[in-house]
Amino acid sequence: MLKALMPVAVYSIGVMFKKESFRGETMANMMSISFGVAIAAYGEAKFDAWGVTLQLGAIAFEATRLTSALTMNVVGVVKDWLLIAFSWSVIKDTVTPINLFGYGLAFVGVGYYNHSKL
């Protein structure tokens, strides 16, 4: 689920390197995605702080090369959610209520981002 932070990282790094213009509305949207992902990650059945740290580092590294591909990253997040839904419904992977709340919050943020881009 932490990979869903990629649009946030890409936007933030894009603003930092002046490839994207800062917009308060977009940043608020990115913060809602971050908050949802944080809740979902915290609710994981097998939460591992070291794994989270490594994943966040990988996301930051990857985002530096993807600063012009924010919309594609958002689409990739939706693909990740479909994989989560598949693993929950078919493979019977554990999904807690906290996970669902976090996924839902991040999903609303991504949906709003897509709506504002149209």
PDB file of N, CA and C in Angstrom:
ATOM      1  N   MET A   1       0.812  -1.197   0.000  1.00  0.00           N
ATOM      2  CA  MET A   1       0.000   0.000   0.000  1.00  0.00           C
ATOM      3  C   MET A   1       0.856   1.261   0.000  1.00  0.00           C
ATOM      4  N   LEU A   2       2.052   1.184   0.538  1.00  0.00           N
ATOM      5  CA  LEU A   2       2.898   2.380   0.588  1.00  0.00           C
ATOM      6  C   LEU A   2       3.222   2.921  -0.797  1.00  0.00           C
ATOM      7  N   LYS A   3       3.149   2.067  -1.798  1.00  0.00           N
ATOM      8  CA  LYS A   3       3.420   2.528  -3.152  1.00  0.00           C
ATOM      9  C   LYS A   3       2.407   3.588  -3.576  1.00  0.00           C
ATOM     10  N   ALA A   4       1.274   3.633  -2.914  1.00  0.00           N
ATOM     11  CA  ALA A   4       0.266   4.653  -3.217  1.00  0.00           C
ATOM     12  C   ALA A   4       0.765   6.052  -2.883  1.00  0.00           C
ATOM     13  N   LEU A   5       1.864   6.158  -2.164  1.00  0.00           N
ATOM     14  CA  LEU A   5       2.450   7.467  -1.866  1.00  0.00           C
ATOM     15  C   LEU A   5       3.239   8.032  -3.052  1.00  0.00           C
ATOM     16  N   MET A   6       3.405   7.254  -4.103  1.00  0.00           N
ATOM     17  CA  MET A   6       4.207   7.709  -5.242  1.00  0.00           C
ATOM     18  C   MET A   6       3.705   9.033  -5.820  1.00  0.00           C
ATOM     19  N   PRO A   7       2.394   9.233  -6.038  1.00  0.00           N
ATOM     20  CA  PRO A   7       1.971  10.541  -6.563  1.00  0.00           C
ATOM     21  C   PRO A   7       2.351  11.697  -5.635  1.00  0.00           C
ATOM     22  N   VAL A   8       2.281  11.461  -4.336  1.00  0.00           N
ATOM     23  CA  VAL A   8       2.638  12.492  -3.364  1.00  0.00           C
ATOM     24  C   VAL A   8       4.125  12.830  -3.489  1.00  0.00           C
ATOM     25  N   ALA A   9       4.942  11.794  -3.567  1.00  0.00           N
ATOM     26  CA  ALA A   9       6.387  12.000  -3.680  1.00  0.00           C
ATOM     27  C   ALA A   9       6.734  12.684  -4.993  1.00  0.00           C
ATOM     28  N   VAL A  10       6.118  12.263  -6.086  1.00  0.00           N
ATOM     29  CA  VAL A  10       6.400  12.862  -7.390  1.00  0.00           C
ATOM     30  C   VAL A  10       5.998  14.330  -7.402  1.00  0.00           C
ATOM     31  N   TYR A  11       4.817  14.644  -6.867  1.00  0.00           N
ATOM     32  CA  TYR A  11       4.368  16.044  -6.832  1.00  0.00           C
ATOM     33  C   TYR A  11       5.301  16.880  -5.957  1.00  0.00           C
ATOM     34  N   SER A  12       5.637  16.380  -4.776  1.00  0.00           N
ATOM     35  CA  SER A  12       6.493  17.134  -3.860  1.00  0.00           C
ATOM     36  C   SER A  12       7.870  17.387  -4.455  1.00  0.00           C
ATOM     37  N   ILE A  13       8.455  16.374  -5.059  1.00  0.00           N
ATOM     38  CA  ILE A  13       9.776  16.542  -5.668  1.00  0.00           C
ATOM     39  C   ILE A  13       9.682  17.429  -6.907  1.00  0.00           C
ATOM     40  N   GLY A  14       8.583  17.302  -7.649  1.00  0.00           N
ATOM     41  CA  GLY A  14       8.377  18.174  -8.801  1.00  0.00           C
ATOM     42  C   GLY A  14       8.306  19.638  -8.396  1.00  0.00           C
ATOM     43  N   VAL A  15       7.631  19.923  -7.293  1.00  0.00           N
ATOM     44  CA  VAL A  15       7.557  21.298  -6.792  1.00  0.00           C
ATOM     45  C   VAL A  15       8.940  21.756  -6.329  1.00  0.00           C
ATOM     46  N   MET A  16       9.635  20.869  -5.634  1.00  0.00           N
ATOM     47  CA  MET A  16      10.956  21.213  -5.113  1.00  0.00           C
ATOM     48  C   MET A  16      11.935  21.553  -6.247  1.00  0.00           C
ATOM     49  N   PHE A  17      11.864  20.791  -7.363  1.00  0.00           N
ATOM     50  CA  PHE A  17      12.757  21.032  -8.498  1.00  0.00           C
ATOM     51  C   PHE A  17      12.157  21.964  -9.547  1.00  0.00           C
ATOM     52  N   LYS A  18      11.017  22.613  -9.199  1.00  0.00           N
ATOM     53  CA  LYS A  18      10.355  23.590 -10.061  1.00  0.00           C
ATOM     54  C   LYS A  18       9.866  22.991 -11.383  1.00  0.00           C
ATOM     55  N   LYS A  19       9.548  21.695 -11.393  1.00  0.00           N
ATOM     56  CA  LYS A  19       8.955  21.055 -12.567  1.00  0.00           C
ATOM     57  C   LYS A  19       7.438  21.114 -12.497  1.00  0.00           C
ATOM     58  N   GLU A  20       6.901  21.281 -11.296  1.00  0.00           N
ATOM     59  CA  GLU A  20       5.463  21.432 -11.051  1.00  0.00           C
ATOM     60  C   GLU A  20       5.280  22.741 -10.291  1.00  0.00           C
ATOM     61  N   SER A  21       4.153  23.388 -10.515  1.00  0.00           N
ATOM     62  CA  SER A  21       3.875  24.598  -9.735  1.00  0.00           C
ATOM     63  C   SER A  21       3.104  24.209  -8.474  1.00  0.00           C
ATOM     64  N   PHE A  22       3.427  24.866  -7.371  1.00  0.00           N
ATOM     65  CA  PHE A  22       2.757  24.565  -6.108  1.00  0.00           C
ATOM     66  C   PHE A  22       1.341  25.114  -6.145  1.00  0.00           C
ATOM     67  N   ARG A  23       0.401  24.249  -5.789  1.00  0.00           N
ATOM     68  CA  ARG A  23      -1.000  24.657  -5.653  1.00  0.00           C
ATOM     69  C   ARG A  23      -1.490  24.096  -4.325  1.00  0.00           C
ATOM     70  N   GLY A  24      -2.034  24.978  -3.501  1.00  0.00           N
ATOM     71  CA  GLY A  24      -2.514  24.567  -2.182  1.00  0.00           C
ATOM     72  C   GLY A  24      -3.559  23.468  -2.268  1.00  0.00           C
ATOM     73  N   GLU A  25      -4.446  23.554  -3.253  1.00  0.00           N
ATOM     74  CA  GLU A  25      -5.497  22.544  -3.420  1.00  0.00           C
ATOM     75  C   GLU A  25      -4.897  21.173  -3.734  1.00  0.00           C
ATOM     76  N   THR A  26      -3.900  21.153  -4.623  1.00  0.00           N
ATOM     77  CA  THR A  26      -3.250  19.881  -4.961  1.00  0.00           C
ATOM     78  C   THR A  26      -2.495  19.326  -3.764  1.00  0.00           C
ATOM     79  N   MET A  27      -1.810  20.198  -3.022  1.00  0.00           N
ATOM     80  CA  MET A  27      -1.063  19.733  -1.848  1.00  0.00           C
ATOM     81  C   MET A  27      -2.011  19.194  -0.785  1.00  0.00           C
ATOM     82  N   ALA A  28      -3.150  19.839  -0.582  1.00  0.00           N
ATOM     83  CA  ALA A  28      -4.130  19.333   0.387  1.00  0.00           C
ATOM     84  C   ALA A  28      -4.623  17.959  -0.042  1.00  0.00           C
ATOM     85  N   ASN A  29      -4.838  17.807  -1.335  1.00  0.00           N
ATOM     86  CA  ASN A  29      -5.251  16.512  -1.869  1.00  0.00           C
ATOM     87  C   ASN A  29      -4.174  15.461  -1.615  1.00  0.00           C
ATOM     88  N   MET A  30      -2.928  15.821  -1.871  1.00  0.00           N
ATOM     89  CA  MET A  30      -1.817  14.887  -1.653  1.00  0.00           C
ATOM     90  C   MET A  30      -1.696  14.514  -0.171  1.00  0.00           C
ATOM     91  N   MET A  31      -1.976  15.478   0.700  1.00  0.00           N
ATOM     92  CA  MET A  31      -1.924  15.192   2.137  1.00  0.00           C
ATOM     93  C   MET A  31      -3.022  14.213   2.538  1.00  0.00           C
ATOM     94  N   SER A  32      -4.201  14.313   1.909  1.00  0.00           N
ATOM     95  CA  SER A  32      -5.272  13.360   2.236  1.00  0.00           C
ATOM     96  C   SER A  32      -4.895  11.959   1.777  1.00  0.00           C
ATOM     97  N   ILE A  33      -4.238  11.857   0.617  1.00  0.00           N
ATOM     98  CA  ILE A  33      -3.759  10.549   0.154  1.00  0.00           C
ATOM     99  C   ILE A  33      -2.739  10.009   1.148  1.00  0.00           C
ATOM    100  N   SER A  34      -1.806  10.852   1.579  1.00  0.00           N
ATOM    101  CA  SER A  34      -0.776  10.433   2.538  1.00  0.00           C
ATOM    102  C   SER A  34      -1.386   9.951   3.845  1.00  0.00           C
ATOM    103  N   PHE A  35      -2.373  10.695   4.331  1.00  0.00           N
ATOM    104  CA  PHE A  35      -3.024  10.330   5.586  1.00  0.00           C
ATOM    105  C   PHE A  35      -3.711   8.969   5.458  1.00  0.00           C
ATOM    106  N   GLY A  36      -4.406   8.754   4.352  1.00  0.00           N
ATOM    107  CA  GLY A  36      -5.066   7.470   4.124  1.00  0.00           C
ATOM    108  C   GLY A  36      -4.080   6.320   4.037  1.00  0.00           C
ATOM    109  N   VAL A  37      -2.980   6.537   3.327  1.00  0.00           N
ATOM    110  CA  VAL A  37      -1.957   5.494   3.205  1.00  0.00           C
ATOM    111  C   VAL A  37      -1.326   5.205   4.562  1.00  0.00           C
ATOM    112  N   ALA A  38      -1.075   6.255   5.360  1.00  0.00           N
ATOM    113  CA  ALA A  38      -0.488   6.058   6.689  1.00  0.00           C
ATOM    114  C   ALA A  38      -1.409   5.214   7.569  1.00  0.00           C
ATOM    115  N   ILE A  39      -2.702   5.501   7.518  1.00  0.00           N
ATOM    116  CA  ILE A  39      -3.654   4.715   8.308  1.00  0.00           C
ATOM    117  C   ILE A  39      -3.672   3.270   7.839  1.00  0.00           C
ATOM    118  N   ALA A  40      -3.711   3.066   6.522  1.00  0.00           N
ATOM    119  CA  ALA A  40      -3.738   1.706   5.986  1.00  0.00           C
ATOM    120  C   ALA A  40      -2.464   0.944   6.345  1.00  0.00           C
ATOM    121  N   ALA A  41      -1.314   1.604   6.263  1.00  0.00           N
ATOM    122  CA  ALA A  41      -0.053   0.942   6.593  1.00  0.00           C
ATOM    123  C   ALA A  41       0.018   0.591   8.071  1.00  0.00           C
ATOM    124  N   TYR A  42      -0.437   1.518   8.916  1.00  0.00           N
ATOM    125  CA  TYR A  42      -0.418   1.259  10.353  1.00  0.00           C
ATOM    126  C   TYR A  42      -1.328   0.084  10.709  1.00  0.00           C
ATOM    127  N   GLY A  43      -2.405  -0.077   9.969  1.00  0.00           N
ATOM    128  CA  GLY A  43      -3.359  -1.150  10.243  1.00  0.00           C
ATOM    129  C   GLY A  43      -2.965  -2.499   9.688  1.00  0.00           C
ATOM    130  N   GLU A  44      -1.811  -2.587   9.050  1.00  0.00           N
ATOM    131  CA  GLU A  44      -1.374  -3.855   8.486  1.00  0.00           C
ATOM    132  C   GLU A  44      -1.239  -4.909   9.577  1.00  0.00           C
ATOM    133  N   ALA A  45      -1.614  -6.131   9.237  1.00  0.00           N
ATOM    134  CA  ALA A  45      -1.546  -7.236  10.189  1.00  0.00           C
ATOM    135  C   ALA A  45      -0.099  -7.538  10.583  1.00  0.00           C
ATOM    136  N   LYS A  46       0.845  -7.336   9.661  1.00  0.00           N
ATOM    137  CA  LYS A  46       2.256  -7.634   9.923  1.00  0.00           C
ATOM    138  C   LYS A  46       3.093  -6.373   9.723  1.00  0.00           C
ATOM    139  N   PHE A  47       2.780  -5.308  10.446  1.00  0.00           N
ATOM    140  CA  PHE A  47       3.483  -4.030  10.322  1.00  0.00           C
ATOM    141  C   PHE A  47       4.938  -4.198  10.737  1.00  0.00           C
ATOM    142  N   ASP A  48       5.855  -3.696   9.898  1.00  0.00           N
ATOM    143  CA  ASP A  48       7.283  -3.767  10.166  1.00  0.00           C
ATOM    144  C   ASP A  48       7.892  -2.389   9.868  1.00  0.00           C
ATOM    145  N   ALA A  49       8.350  -1.694  10.903  1.00  0.00           N
ATOM    146  CA  ALA A  49       8.867  -0.331  10.742  1.00  0.00           C
ATOM    147  C   ALA A  49      10.063  -0.282   9.791  1.00  0.00           C
ATOM    148  N   TRP A  50      10.940  -1.267   9.844  1.00  0.00           N
ATOM    149  CA  TRP A  50      12.106  -1.290   8.959  1.00  0.00           C
ATOM    150  C   TRP A  50      11.658  -1.437   7.506  1.00  0.00           C
ATOM    151  N   GLY A  51      10.682  -2.291   7.251  1.00  0.00           N
ATOM    152  CA  GLY A  51      10.145  -2.448   5.902  1.00  0.00           C
ATOM    153  C   GLY A  51       9.521  -1.156   5.390  1.00  0.00           C
ATOM    154  N   VAL A  52       8.804  -0.451   6.260  1.00  0.00           N
ATOM    155  CA  VAL A  52       8.203   0.831   5.888  1.00  0.00           C
ATOM    156  C   VAL A  52       9.301   1.831   5.535  1.00  0.00           C
ATOM    157  N   THR A  53      10.353   1.878   6.331  1.00  0.00           N
ATOM    158  CA  THR A  53      11.460   2.801   6.074  1.00  0.00           C
ATOM    159  C   THR A  53      12.114   2.517   4.724  1.00  0.00           C
ATOM    160  N   LEU A  54      12.364   1.247   4.439  1.00  0.00           N
ATOM    161  CA  LEU A  54      12.966   0.881   3.151  1.00  0.00           C
ATOM    162  C   LEU A  54      12.050   1.241   1.983  1.00  0.00           C
ATOM    163  N   GLN A  55      10.767   0.973   2.132  1.00  0.00           N
ATOM    164  CA  GLN A  55       9.815   1.279   1.063  1.00  0.00           C
ATOM    165  C   GLN A  55       9.720   2.787   0.817  1.00  0.00           C
ATOM    166  N   LEU A  56       9.688   3.581   1.873  1.00  0.00           N
ATOM    167  CA  LEU A  56       9.631   5.035   1.710  1.00  0.00           C
ATOM    168  C   LEU A  56      10.884   5.566   1.022  1.00  0.00           C
ATOM    169  N   GLY A  57      12.040   4.986   1.351  1.00  0.00           N
ATOM    170  CA  GLY A  57      13.282   5.373   0.677  1.00  0.00           C
ATOM    171  C   GLY A  57      13.233   5.046  -0.809  1.00  0.00           C
ATOM    172  N   ALA A  58      12.713   3.874  -1.130  1.00  0.00           N
ATOM    173  CA  ALA A  58      12.593   3.477  -2.538  1.00  0.00           C
ATOM    174  C   ALA A  58      11.634   4.400  -3.288  1.00  0.00           C
ATOM    175  N   ILE A  59      10.550   4.791  -2.634  1.00  0.00           N
ATOM    176  CA  ILE A  59       9.581   5.694  -3.260  1.00  0.00           C
ATOM    177  C   ILE A  59      10.230   7.053  -3.542  1.00  0.00           C
ATOM    178  N   ALA A  60      10.973   7.584  -2.583  1.00  0.00           N
ATOM    179  CA  ALA A  60      11.639   8.873  -2.778  1.00  0.00           C
ATOM    180  C   ALA A  60      12.641   8.795  -3.923  1.00  0.00           C
ATOM    181  N   PHE A  61      13.394   7.708  -3.985  1.00  0.00           N
ATOM    182  CA  PHE A  61      14.380   7.533  -5.057  1.00  0.00           C
ATOM    183  C   PHE A  61      13.688   7.453  -6.412  1.00  0.00           C
ATOM    184  N   GLU A  62      12.641   6.663  -6.509  1.00  0.00           N
ATOM    185  CA  GLU A  62      11.905   6.492  -7.755  1.00  0.00           C
ATOM    186  C   GLU A  62      11.222   7.784  -8.192  1.00  0.00           C
ATOM    187  N   ALA A  63      10.719   8.547  -7.251  1.00  0.00           N
ATOM    188  CA  ALA A  63      10.000   9.781  -7.576  1.00  0.00           C
ATOM    189  C   ALA A  63      10.901  10.816  -8.229  1.00  0.00           C
ATOM    190  N   THR A  64      12.190  10.792  -7.924  1.00  0.00           N
ATOM    191  CA  THR A  64      13.088  11.785  -8.508  1.00  0.00           C
ATOM    192  C   THR A  64      13.218  11.595 -10.019  1.00  0.00           C
ATOM    193  N   ARG A  65      12.965  10.399 -10.502  1.00  0.00           N
ATOM    194  CA  ARG A  65      13.057  10.199 -11.948  1.00  0.00           C
ATOM    195  C   ARG A  65      11.697  10.257 -12.635  1.00  0.00           C
ATOM    196  N   LEU A  66      10.635  10.399 -11.866  1.00  0.00           N
ATOM    197  CA  LEU A  66       9.289  10.398 -12.443  1.00  0.00           C
ATOM    198  C   LEU A  66       8.563  11.728 -12.260  1.00  0.00           C
ATOM    199  N   THR A  67       9.283  12.831 -12.152  1.00  0.00           N
ATOM    200  CA  THR A  67       8.613  14.086 -11.790  1.00  0.00           C
ATOM    201  C   THR A  67       7.645  14.587 -12.855  1.00  0.00           C
ATOM    202  N   SER A  68       7.705  14.092 -14.072  1.00  0.00           N
ATOM    203  CA  SER A  68       6.769  14.575 -15.088  1.00  0.00           C
ATOM    204  C   SER A  68       5.640  13.584 -15.340  1.00  0.00           C
ATOM    205  N   ALA A  69       5.535  12.552 -14.538  1.00  0.00           N
ATOM    206  CA  ALA A  69       4.567  11.486 -14.806  1.00  0.00           C
ATOM    207  C   ALA A  69       3.565  11.317 -13.665  1.00  0.00           C
ATOM    208  N   LEU A  70       3.128  12.415 -13.070  1.00  0.00           N
ATOM    209  CA  LEU A  70       2.251  12.334 -11.905  1.00  0.00           C
ATOM    210  C   LEU A  70       0.940  11.634 -12.211  1.00  0.00           C
ATOM    211  N   THR A  71       0.298  11.974 -13.302  1.00  0.00           N
ATOM    212  CA  THR A  71      -0.993  11.357 -13.619  1.00  0.00           C
ATOM    213  C   THR A  71      -0.845   9.857 -13.826  1.00  0.00           C
ATOM    214  N   MET A  72       0.219   9.424 -14.475  1.00  0.00           N
ATOM    215  CA  MET A  72       0.436   7.986 -14.672  1.00  0.00           C
ATOM    216  C   MET A  72       0.650   7.291 -13.338  1.00  0.00           C
ATOM    217  N   ASN A  73       1.280   7.962 -12.395  1.00  0.00           N
ATOM    218  CA  ASN A  73       1.466   7.376 -11.074  1.00  0.00           C
ATOM    219  C   ASN A  73       0.133   7.201 -10.360  1.00  0.00           C
ATOM    220  N   VAL A  74      -0.765   8.153 -10.511  1.00  0.00           N
ATOM    221  CA  VAL A  74      -2.079   8.037  -9.889  1.00  0.00           C
ATOM    222  C   VAL A  74      -2.829   6.849 -10.479  1.00  0.00           C
ATOM    223  N   VAL A  75      -2.741   6.668 -11.772  1.00  0.00           N
ATOM    224  CA  VAL A  75      -3.378   5.516 -12.420  1.00  0.00           C
ATOM    225  C   VAL A  75      -2.764   4.215 -11.883  1.00  0.00           C
ATOM    226  N   GLY A  76      -1.462   4.208 -11.658  1.00  0.00           N
ATOM    227  CA  GLY A  76      -0.797   3.027 -11.099  1.00  0.00           C
ATOM    228  C   GLY A  76      -1.295   2.685  -9.708  1.00  0.00           C
ATOM    229  N   VAL A  77      -1.658   3.697  -8.937  1.00  0.00           N
ATOM    230  CA  VAL A  77      -2.197   3.473  -7.594  1.00  0.00           C
ATOM    231  C   VAL A  77      -3.526   2.725  -7.677  1.00  0.00           C
ATOM    232  N   VAL A  78      -4.364   3.103  -8.631  1.00  0.00           N
ATOM    233  CA  VAL A  78      -5.647   2.412  -8.811  1.00  0.00           C
ATOM    234  C   VAL A  78      -5.399   0.941  -9.137  1.00  0.00           C
ATOM    235  N   LYS A  79      -4.395   0.660  -9.959  1.00  0.00           N
ATOM    236  CA  LYS A  79      -4.028  -0.729 -10.266  1.00  0.00           C
ATOM    237  C   LYS A  79      -3.630  -1.465  -8.989  1.00  0.00           C
ATOM    238  N   ASP A  80      -2.883  -0.812  -8.134  1.00  0.00           N
ATOM    239  CA  ASP A  80      -2.485  -1.443  -6.874  1.00  0.00           C
ATOM    240  C   ASP A  80      -3.701  -1.785  -6.015  1.00  0.00           C
ATOM    241  N   TRP A  81      -4.692  -0.885  -5.986  1.00  0.00           N
ATOM    242  CA  TRP A  81      -5.902  -1.162  -5.204  1.00  0.00           C
ATOM    243  C   TRP A  81      -6.668  -2.348  -5.765  1.00  0.00           C
ATOM    244  N   LEU A  82      -6.664  -2.484  -7.081  1.00  0.00           N
ATOM    245  CA  LEU A  82      -7.326  -3.648  -7.691  1.00  0.00           C
ATOM    246  C   LEU A  82      -6.612  -4.934  -7.280  1.00  0.00           C
ATOM    247  N   LEU A  83      -5.295  -4.870  -7.193  1.00  0.00           N
ATOM    248  CA  LEU A  83      -4.535  -6.042  -6.728  1.00  0.00           C
ATOM    249  C   LEU A  83      -4.854  -6.360  -5.276  1.00  0.00           C
ATOM    250  N   ILE A  84      -5.006  -5.342  -4.443  1.00  0.00           N
ATOM    251  CA  ILE A  84      -5.370  -5.551  -3.045  1.00  0.00           C
ATOM    252  C   ILE A  84      -6.747  -6.188  -2.957  1.00  0.00           C
ATOM    253  N   ALA A  85      -7.689  -5.681  -3.751  1.00  0.00           N
ATOM    254  CA  ALA A  85      -9.048  -6.245  -3.758  1.00  0.00           C
ATOM    255  C   ALA A  85      -9.032  -7.696  -4.204  1.00  0.00           C
ATOM    256  N   PHE A  86      -8.216  -8.004  -5.200  1.00  0.00           N
ATOM    257  CA  PHE A  86      -8.091  -9.387  -5.675  1.00  0.00           C
ATOM    258  C   PHE A  86      -7.519 -10.291  -4.590  1.00  0.00           C
ATOM    259  N   SER A  87      -6.453  -9.832  -3.938  1.00  0.00           N
ATOM    260  CA  SER A  87      -5.828 -10.670  -2.905  1.00  0.00           C
ATOM    261  C   SER A  87      -6.758 -10.880  -1.723  1.00  0.00           C
ATOM    262  N   TRP A  88      -7.594  -9.895  -1.428  1.00  0.00           N
ATOM    263  CA  TRP A  88      -8.547 -10.025  -0.333  1.00  0.00           C
ATOM    264  C   TRP A  88      -9.680 -10.964  -0.706  1.00  0.00           C
ATOM    265  N   SER A  89     -10.231 -10.827  -1.912  1.00  0.00           N
ATOM    266  CA  SER A  89     -11.404 -11.613  -2.281  1.00  0.00           C
ATOM    267  C   SER A  89     -11.073 -13.014  -2.766  1.00  0.00           C
ATOM    268  N   VAL A  90      -9.983 -13.195  -3.463  1.00  0.00           N
ATOM    269  CA  VAL A  90      -9.654 -14.509  -4.039  1.00  0.00           C
ATOM    270  C   VAL A  90      -8.681 -15.280  -3.156  1.00  0.00           C
ATOM    271  N   ILE A  91      -7.614 -14.637  -2.730  1.00  0.00           N
ATOM    272  CA  ILE A  91      -6.583 -15.317  -1.950  1.00  0.00           C
ATOM    273  C   ILE A  91      -6.908 -15.312  -0.462  1.00  0.00           C
ATOM    274  N   LYS A  92      -7.884 -14.508  -0.077  1.00  0.00           N
ATOM    275  CA  LYS A  92      -8.323 -14.388   1.322  1.00  0.00           C
ATOM    276  C   LYS A  92      -7.230 -13.790   2.213  1.00  0.00           C
ATOM    277  N   ASP A  93      -6.509 -12.802   1.680  1.00  0.00           N
ATOM    278  CA  ASP A  93      -5.514 -12.085   2.465  1.00  0.00           C
ATOM    279  C   ASP A  93      -6.231 -11.243   3.524  1.00  0.00           C
ATOM    280  N   THR A  94      -5.569 -10.980   4.637  1.00  0.00           N
ATOM    281  CA  THR A  94      -6.173 -10.240   5.735  1.00  0.00           C
ATOM    282  C   THR A  94      -6.261  -8.748   5.417  1.00  0.00           C
ATOM    283  N   VAL A  95      -7.452  -8.182   5.566  1.00  0.00           N
ATOM    284  CA  VAL A  95      -7.665  -6.742   5.426  1.00  0.00           C
ATOM    285  C   VAL A  95      -8.458  -6.301   6.651  1.00  0.00           C
ATOM    286  N   THR A  96      -7.850  -5.432   7.450  1.00  0.00           N
ATOM    287  CA  THR A  96      -8.486  -4.989   8.695  1.00  0.00           C
ATOM    288  C   THR A  96      -9.376  -3.772   8.436  1.00  0.00           C
ATOM    289  N   PRO A  97     -10.265  -3.448   9.377  1.00  0.00           N
ATOM    290  CA  PRO A  97     -11.078  -2.224   9.230  1.00  0.00           C
ATOM    291  C   PRO A  97     -10.223  -0.965   9.114  1.00  0.00           C
ATOM    292  N   ILE A  98      -9.100  -0.932   9.811  1.00  0.00           N
ATOM    293  CA  ILE A  98      -8.200   0.222   9.700  1.00  0.00           C
ATOM    294  C   ILE A  98      -7.640   0.308   8.285  1.00  0.00           C
ATOM    295  N   ASN A  99      -7.266  -0.850   7.695  1.00  0.00           N
ATOM    296  CA  ASN A  99      -6.807  -0.867   6.309  1.00  0.00           C
ATOM    297  C   ASN A  99      -7.876  -0.283   5.392  1.00  0.00           C
ATOM    298  N   LEU A 100      -9.111  -0.752   5.562  1.00  0.00           N
ATOM    299  CA  LEU A 100     -10.197  -0.300   4.694  1.00  0.00           C
ATOM    300  C   LEU A 100     -10.429   1.201   4.815  1.00  0.00           C
ATOM    301  N   PHE A 101     -10.367   1.724   6.037  1.00  0.00           N
ATOM    302  CA  PHE A 101     -10.534   3.167   6.237  1.00  0.00           C
ATOM    303  C   PHE A 101      -9.431   3.932   5.516  1.00  0.00           C
ATOM    304  N   GLY A 102      -8.189   3.485   5.688  1.00  0.00           N
ATOM    305  CA  GLY A 102      -7.056   4.143   5.031  1.00  0.00           C
ATOM    306  C   GLY A 102      -7.144   4.052   3.519  1.00  0.00           C
ATOM    307  N   TYR A 103      -7.488   2.867   2.994  1.00  0.00           N
ATOM    308  CA  TYR A 103      -7.638   2.706   1.549  1.00  0.00           C
ATOM    309  C   TYR A 103      -8.717   3.641   1.026  1.00  0.00           C
ATOM    310  N   GLY A 104      -9.837   3.706   1.759  1.00  0.00           N
ATOM    311  CA  GLY A 104     -10.948   4.549   1.330  1.00  0.00           C
ATOM    312  C   GLY A 104     -10.566   6.022   1.292  1.00  0.00           C
ATOM    313  N   LEU A 105      -9.863   6.477   2.317  1.00  0.00           N
ATOM    314  CA  LEU A 105      -9.442   7.872   2.369  1.00  0.00           C
ATOM    315  C   LEU A 105      -8.488   8.200   1.224  1.00  0.00           C
ATOM    316  N   ALA A 106      -7.527   7.329   0.993  1.00  0.00           N
ATOM    317  CA  ALA A 106      -6.584   7.549  -0.110  1.00  0.00           C
ATOM    318  C   ALA A 106      -7.308   7.492  -1.453  1.00  0.00           C
ATOM    319  N   PHE A 107      -8.274   6.597  -1.585  1.00  0.00           N
ATOM    320  CA  PHE A 107      -9.032   6.464  -2.825  1.00  0.00           C
ATOM    321  C   PHE A 107      -9.811   7.748  -3.128  1.00  0.00           C
ATOM    322  N   VAL A 108     -10.428   8.330  -2.095  1.00  0.00           N
ATOM    323  CA  VAL A 108     -11.162   9.581  -2.282  1.00  0.00           C
ATOM    324  C   VAL A 108     -10.195  10.688  -2.731  1.00  0.00           C
ATOM    325  N   GLY A 109      -9.014  10.732  -2.136  1.00  0.00           N
ATOM    326  CA  GLY A 109      -8.020  11.733  -2.529  1.00  0.00           C
ATOM    327  C   GLY A 109      -7.586  11.579  -3.972  1.00  0.00           C
ATOM    328  N   VAL A 110      -7.337  10.350  -4.395  1.00  0.00           N
ATOM    329  CA  VAL A 110      -6.936  10.105  -5.783  1.00  0.00           C
ATOM    330  C   VAL A 110      -8.094  10.425  -6.732  1.00  0.00           C
ATOM    331  N   GLY A 111      -9.307  10.062  -6.339  1.00  0.00           N
ATOM    332  CA  GLY A 111     -10.468  10.379  -7.159  1.00  0.00           C
ATOM    333  C   GLY A 111     -10.630  11.874  -7.336  1.00  0.00           C
ATOM    334  N   TYR A 112     -10.430  12.626  -6.256  1.00  0.00           N
ATOM    335  CA  TYR A 112     -10.533  14.090  -6.339  1.00  0.00           C
ATOM    336  C   TYR A 112      -9.433  14.663  -7.219  1.00  0.00           C
ATOM    337  N   TYR A 113      -8.226  14.103  -7.115  1.00  0.00           N
ATOM    338  CA  TYR A 113      -7.117  14.556  -7.954  1.00  0.00           C
ATOM    339  C   TYR A 113      -7.476  14.361  -9.424  1.00  0.00           C
ATOM    340  N   ASN A 114      -7.976  13.168  -9.752  1.00  0.00           N
ATOM    341  CA  ASN A 114      -8.352  12.907 -11.145  1.00  0.00           C
ATOM    342  C   ASN A 114      -9.460  13.842 -11.604  1.00  0.00           C
ATOM    343  N   HIS A 115     -10.425  14.104 -10.745  1.00  0.00           N
ATOM    344  CA  HIS A 115     -11.530  15.009 -11.075  1.00  0.00           C
ATOM    345  C   HIS A 115     -11.015  16.426 -11.327  1.00  0.00           C
ATOM    346  N   SER A 116     -10.090  16.874 -10.504  1.00  0.00           N
ATOM    347  CA  SER A 116      -9.581  18.242 -10.659  1.00  0.00           C
ATOM    348  C   SER A 116      -8.694  18.382 -11.898  1.00  0.00           C
ATOM    349  N   LYS A 117      -8.106  17.291 -12.377  1.00  0.00           N
ATOM    350  CA  LYS A 117      -7.259  17.331 -13.567  1.00  0.00           C
ATOM    351  C   LYS A 117      -8.074  17.367 -14.853  1.00  0.00           C
ATOM    352  N   LEU A 118      -9.347  16.903 -14.789  1.00  0.00           N
ATOM    353  CA  LEU A 118     -10.178  16.852 -16.009  1.00  0.00           C
ATOM    354  C   LEU A 118     -10.700  18.177 -16.371  1.00  0.00           C
TER     355      LEU A 118
END
